């Protein structure tokens, strides 16, 4: 279950289009289409990619012992360090693109909070320059750099921050769905897409499983627990 919960980070950006709704034409229709298409394409490509990886693995023990499993898989499949390096560079480019997307949507979140007076110095943070929230973007870039540097200082602290992100994301997902589950979906405004009676099933499943995964995220990854292997999610959560 710990391994399954750790994969939830892949869903952290699934709501990204919703944070750009003010910059999209007809967002009530187009944003759900984008989110749905992202899920469908992600499932299709992930299944094909993982099946391919399973077929090319030759040495499972070598894979487990490797510090970079994905590179070891490519090395076993391609039999060439040059080809493995090329694919590794490709991964760096993909991650770079993902990081830019995360920076864009996180800056929009900060800017929208500042516009509504929800953060300190809102009048400055909410200012637009060249029709973009430049200061909000710069602040989020700085925070992302700090968290990235934290990885080199303490992998334990870095992992705890990542777990905190997943924990908070799950909470933001489950709260509105729980409210809908107990108050009824008839209270929702008219919308372009609706799950109908199946919506209540989705709300119930989210209400049940999300809190469960949040508890799992607080577990240490191994026993016995030491200072370096401790999961400090609860400590950081209480501090925040």
Protein backbone atom coordinates (compact mmCIF):
# COMPACT_ATOMS: atom_id res chain seq x y z
CA UNK A 1 0.00 0.00 0.00
CA UNK A 2 2.92 2.34 0.67
CA UNK A 3 4.17 1.71 -2.86
CA UNK A 4 0.72 2.41 -4.30
CA UNK A 5 0.31 5.61 -2.32
CA UNK A 6 3.69 6.90 -3.49
CA UNK A 7 2.44 6.73 -7.10
CA UNK A 8 -0.27 9.29 -6.33
CA UNK A 9 2.19 12.10 -7.07
CA UNK A 10 1.54 11.48 -10.76
CA UNK A 11 -1.99 12.85 -10.28
CA UNK A 12 -0.96 16.10 -8.59
CA UNK A 13 -1.13 18.05 -11.84
CA UNK A 14 -4.37 16.57 -13.10
CA UNK A 15 -6.34 19.67 -12.08
CA UNK A 16 -3.88 22.06 -13.73
CA UNK A 17 -6.27 23.17 -16.52
CA UNK A 18 -8.81 24.34 -13.93
CA UNK A 19 -6.31 26.90 -12.61
CA UNK A 20 -6.07 28.41 -16.09
CA UNK A 21 -9.83 28.70 -16.58
CA UNK A 22 -9.75 32.50 -16.76
CA UNK A 23 -7.44 32.24 -19.77
CA UNK A 24 -9.53 29.65 -21.65
CA UNK A 25 -12.55 30.24 -23.88
CA UNK A 26 -15.75 28.61 -22.61
CA UNK A 27 -13.99 27.03 -19.61
CA UNK A 28 -17.07 25.23 -18.26
CA UNK A 29 -16.97 23.04 -21.35
CA UNK A 30 -13.33 23.03 -22.46
CA UNK A 31 -11.64 22.50 -19.09
CA UNK A 32 -13.46 19.19 -18.35
CA UNK A 33 -12.64 18.01 -21.88
CA UNK A 34 -8.94 18.72 -21.34
CA UNK A 35 -8.87 17.00 -17.95
CA UNK A 36 -10.75 13.97 -19.28
CA UNK A 37 -8.53 13.73 -22.37
CA UNK A 38 -5.44 13.92 -20.17
CA UNK A 39 -6.63 10.99 -18.07
CA UNK A 40 -7.55 8.87 -21.09
CA UNK A 41 -4.29 9.53 -22.94
CA UNK A 42 -2.31 8.99 -19.74
CA UNK A 43 -3.91 5.61 -19.08
CA UNK A 44 -3.41 4.41 -22.67
CA UNK A 45 0.23 5.48 -22.90
CA UNK A 46 1.09 4.30 -19.37
CA UNK A 47 -0.31 0.81 -19.98
CA UNK A 48 1.57 0.44 -23.27
CA UNK A 49 4.77 1.86 -21.81
CA UNK A 50 4.68 -0.41 -18.75
CA UNK A 51 3.94 -3.52 -20.81
CA UNK A 52 6.94 -2.68 -22.99
CA UNK A 53 9.15 -2.23 -19.92
CA UNK A 54 8.08 -5.58 -18.50
CA UNK A 55 9.10 -7.38 -21.69
CA UNK A 56 12.61 -5.90 -21.89
CA UNK A 57 13.71 -6.42 -18.27
CA UNK A 58 16.39 -9.12 -18.21
CA UNK A 59 17.89 -8.88 -14.72
CA UNK A 60 15.37 -8.11 -11.98
CA UNK A 61 17.97 -8.17 -9.18
CA UNK A 62 20.16 -5.75 -11.08
CA UNK A 63 17.16 -3.49 -11.47
CA UNK A 64 16.39 -3.60 -7.75
CA UNK A 65 20.01 -2.85 -6.85
CA UNK A 66 20.26 0.04 -9.28
CA UNK A 67 20.12 3.58 -7.97
CA UNK A 68 18.32 4.67 -11.14
CA UNK A 69 15.95 1.82 -12.12
CA UNK A 70 14.56 3.42 -15.26
CA UNK A 71 18.06 3.92 -16.67
CA UNK A 72 18.92 0.32 -15.84
CA UNK A 73 15.83 -0.84 -17.75
CA UNK A 74 16.88 1.11 -20.83
CA UNK A 75 20.43 -0.15 -20.51
CA UNK A 76 19.21 -3.76 -20.39
CA UNK A 77 16.84 -3.19 -23.31
CA UNK A 78 19.15 -1.23 -25.60
CA UNK A 79 22.52 -2.68 -24.59
CA UNK A 80 24.15 0.66 -25.26
CA UNK A 81 25.24 3.36 -22.85
CA UNK A 82 24.94 5.94 -25.62
CA UNK A 83 21.31 5.03 -26.32
CA UNK A 84 20.59 4.96 -22.58
CA UNK A 85 22.07 8.43 -22.22
CA UNK A 86 19.92 9.75 -25.07
CA UNK A 87 16.77 8.40 -23.44
CA UNK A 88 17.87 9.85 -20.10
CA UNK A 89 18.21 13.28 -21.71
CA UNK A 90 14.71 12.82 -23.12
CA UNK A 91 13.45 12.24 -19.58
CA UNK A 92 15.15 15.41 -18.41
CA UNK A 93 13.39 17.37 -21.16
CA UNK A 94 10.03 15.87 -20.21
CA UNK A 95 10.55 16.67 -16.53
CA UNK A 96 11.63 20.20 -17.47
CA UNK A 97 8.39 20.67 -19.40
CA UNK A 98 6.38 19.31 -16.47
CA UNK A 99 8.17 21.69 -14.12
CA UNK A 100 7.28 24.66 -16.32
CA UNK A 101 3.63 23.63 -16.32
CA UNK A 102 3.65 23.28 -12.53
CA UNK A 103 5.24 26.71 -12.25
CA UNK A 104 2.57 28.28 -14.46
CA UNK A 105 -0.44 26.85 -12.65
CA UNK A 106 1.00 27.36 -9.15
CA UNK A 107 1.70 31.02 -9.97
CA UNK A 108 -1.93 31.40 -11.09
CA UNK A 109 -3.11 29.96 -7.77
CA UNK A 110 -0.94 32.41 -5.82
CA UNK A 111 -2.06 35.30 -8.03
CA UNK A 112 -5.76 34.47 -7.60
CA UNK A 113 -5.37 34.30 -3.82
CA UNK A 114 -3.51 37.62 -3.86
CA UNK A 115 -6.19 39.21 -6.03
CA UNK A 116 -8.77 38.28 -3.38
CA UNK A 117 -6.53 39.54 -0.56
CA UNK A 118 -5.68 36.09 0.71
CA UNK A 119 -1.88 36.44 1.03
CA UNK A 120 0.45 39.01 2.61
CA UNK A 121 1.28 42.01 0.41
CA UNK A 122 -1.59 41.09 -1.90
CA UNK A 123 -1.52 44.43 -3.69
CA UNK A 124 2.00 43.69 -4.94
CA UNK A 125 1.66 39.96 -5.62
CA UNK A 126 -1.55 40.46 -7.60
CA UNK A 127 -0.04 43.01 -9.99
CA UNK A 128 0.14 42.11 -13.66
CA UNK A 129 3.03 42.92 -15.94
CA UNK A 130 2.86 42.19 -19.66
CA UNK A 131 -0.60 40.74 -18.89
CA UNK A 132 1.01 38.06 -16.68
CA UNK A 133 1.46 37.61 -12.91
CA UNK A 134 5.22 38.09 -13.07
CA UNK A 135 5.82 38.61 -9.34
CA UNK A 136 3.64 35.63 -8.39
CA UNK A 137 5.54 33.50 -10.90
CA UNK A 138 8.89 34.68 -9.52
CA UNK A 139 7.82 33.85 -5.96
CA UNK A 140 6.73 30.34 -6.92
CA UNK A 141 9.95 29.81 -8.88
CA UNK A 142 11.96 30.80 -5.81
CA UNK A 143 9.99 28.42 -3.58
CA UNK A 144 10.44 25.55 -6.05
CA UNK A 145 14.18 26.18 -6.17
CA UNK A 146 14.36 26.13 -2.37
CA UNK A 147 12.49 22.81 -2.19
CA UNK A 148 14.74 21.40 -4.93
CA UNK A 149 17.85 22.41 -2.99
CA UNK A 150 16.36 20.76 0.09
CA UNK A 151 16.78 17.40 -1.66
CA UNK A 152 20.56 17.78 -1.54
CA UNK A 153 20.49 18.83 2.11
CA UNK A 154 18.14 16.12 3.41
CA UNK A 155 16.32 13.51 1.36
CA UNK A 156 14.16 12.74 4.40
CA UNK A 157 12.95 16.34 4.67
CA UNK A 158 12.40 16.51 0.92
CA UNK A 159 10.33 13.31 0.91
CA UNK A 160 8.26 14.67 3.79
CA UNK A 161 7.45 17.81 1.79
CA UNK A 162 6.44 15.67 -1.19
CA UNK A 163 4.19 13.59 1.06
CA UNK A 164 2.70 16.81 2.41
CA UNK A 165 1.86 17.86 -1.15
CA UNK A 166 0.09 14.57 -1.80
CA UNK A 167 -1.69 14.74 1.55
CA UNK A 168 -2.94 18.28 0.93
CA UNK A 169 -3.96 17.44 -2.64
CA UNK A 170 -6.03 14.49 -1.42
CA UNK A 171 -7.74 16.68 1.16
CA UNK A 172 -8.69 19.28 -1.45
CA UNK A 173 -10.10 16.50 -3.64
CA UNK A 174 -12.09 14.69 -0.97
CA UNK A 175 -13.69 17.64 0.86
CA UNK A 176 -15.97 18.89 -1.94
CA UNK A 177 -16.84 15.32 -2.93
CA UNK A 178 -17.80 14.47 0.64
CA UNK A 179 -19.99 17.57 0.81
CA UNK A 180 -21.72 16.55 -2.43
CA UNK A 181 -22.17 13.01 -1.14
CA UNK A 182 -24.08 14.15 1.93
CA UNK A 183 -25.87 17.22 0.58
CA UNK A 184 -26.85 15.81 -2.80
CA UNK A 185 -25.64 16.59 -6.29
CA UNK A 186 -28.82 18.50 -7.11
CA UNK A 187 -27.26 21.53 -5.45
CA UNK A 188 -24.72 21.81 -8.27
CA UNK A 189 -25.31 24.53 -10.89
CA UNK A 190 -26.12 23.68 -14.49
CA UNK A 191 -23.01 22.35 -16.21
CA UNK A 192 -21.83 21.06 -19.57
CA UNK A 193 -20.94 17.59 -18.28
CA UNK A 194 -22.53 15.44 -15.60
CA UNK A 195 -21.96 11.87 -14.42
CA UNK A 196 -25.59 11.62 -13.41
CA UNK A 197 -26.30 8.86 -10.91
CA UNK A 198 -22.75 7.56 -11.28
CA UNK A 199 -21.46 10.79 -9.78
CA UNK A 200 -22.55 9.73 -6.31
CA UNK A 201 -20.55 6.51 -6.69
CA UNK A 202 -17.44 8.52 -7.56
CA UNK A 203 -18.05 10.81 -4.57
CA UNK A 204 -18.43 7.81 -2.24
CA UNK A 205 -15.27 6.09 -3.48
CA UNK A 206 -13.25 9.30 -3.08
CA UNK A 207 -14.62 9.83 0.43
CA UNK A 208 -13.60 6.30 1.42
CA UNK A 209 -10.22 5.89 -0.23
CA UNK A 210 -8.63 9.34 -0.04
CA UNK A 211 -8.49 9.49 3.79
CA UNK A 212 -7.12 5.93 3.76
CA UNK A 213 -4.29 6.90 1.42
CA UNK A 214 -3.56 9.98 3.53
CA UNK A 215 -2.99 7.72 6.53
CA UNK A 216 -0.70 5.48 4.45
CA UNK A 217 1.30 8.53 3.33
CA UNK A 218 2.21 9.16 6.97
CA UNK A 219 3.81 5.72 7.37
CA UNK A 220 7.60 5.31 7.28
CA UNK A 221 8.84 3.33 4.29
CA UNK A 222 10.73 0.73 6.35
CA UNK A 223 11.20 -0.71 9.81
CA UNK A 224 12.88 -0.32 12.22
CA UNK A 225 12.28 3.42 12.10
CA UNK A 226 15.31 5.64 12.56
CA UNK A 227 15.84 9.37 12.41
CA UNK A 228 16.82 9.17 8.75
CA UNK A 229 13.97 6.85 7.72
CA UNK A 230 11.25 8.55 9.76
CA UNK A 231 8.34 10.09 7.87
CA UNK A 232 8.03 13.64 9.19
CA UNK A 233 4.77 14.38 7.37
CA UNK A 234 2.78 14.71 10.60
CA UNK A 235 5.37 17.07 12.08
CA UNK A 236 5.39 19.31 9.00
CA UNK A 237 1.59 19.21 8.76
CA UNK A 238 1.23 20.37 12.35
CA UNK A 239 3.78 23.13 11.76
CA UNK A 240 1.89 24.38 8.71
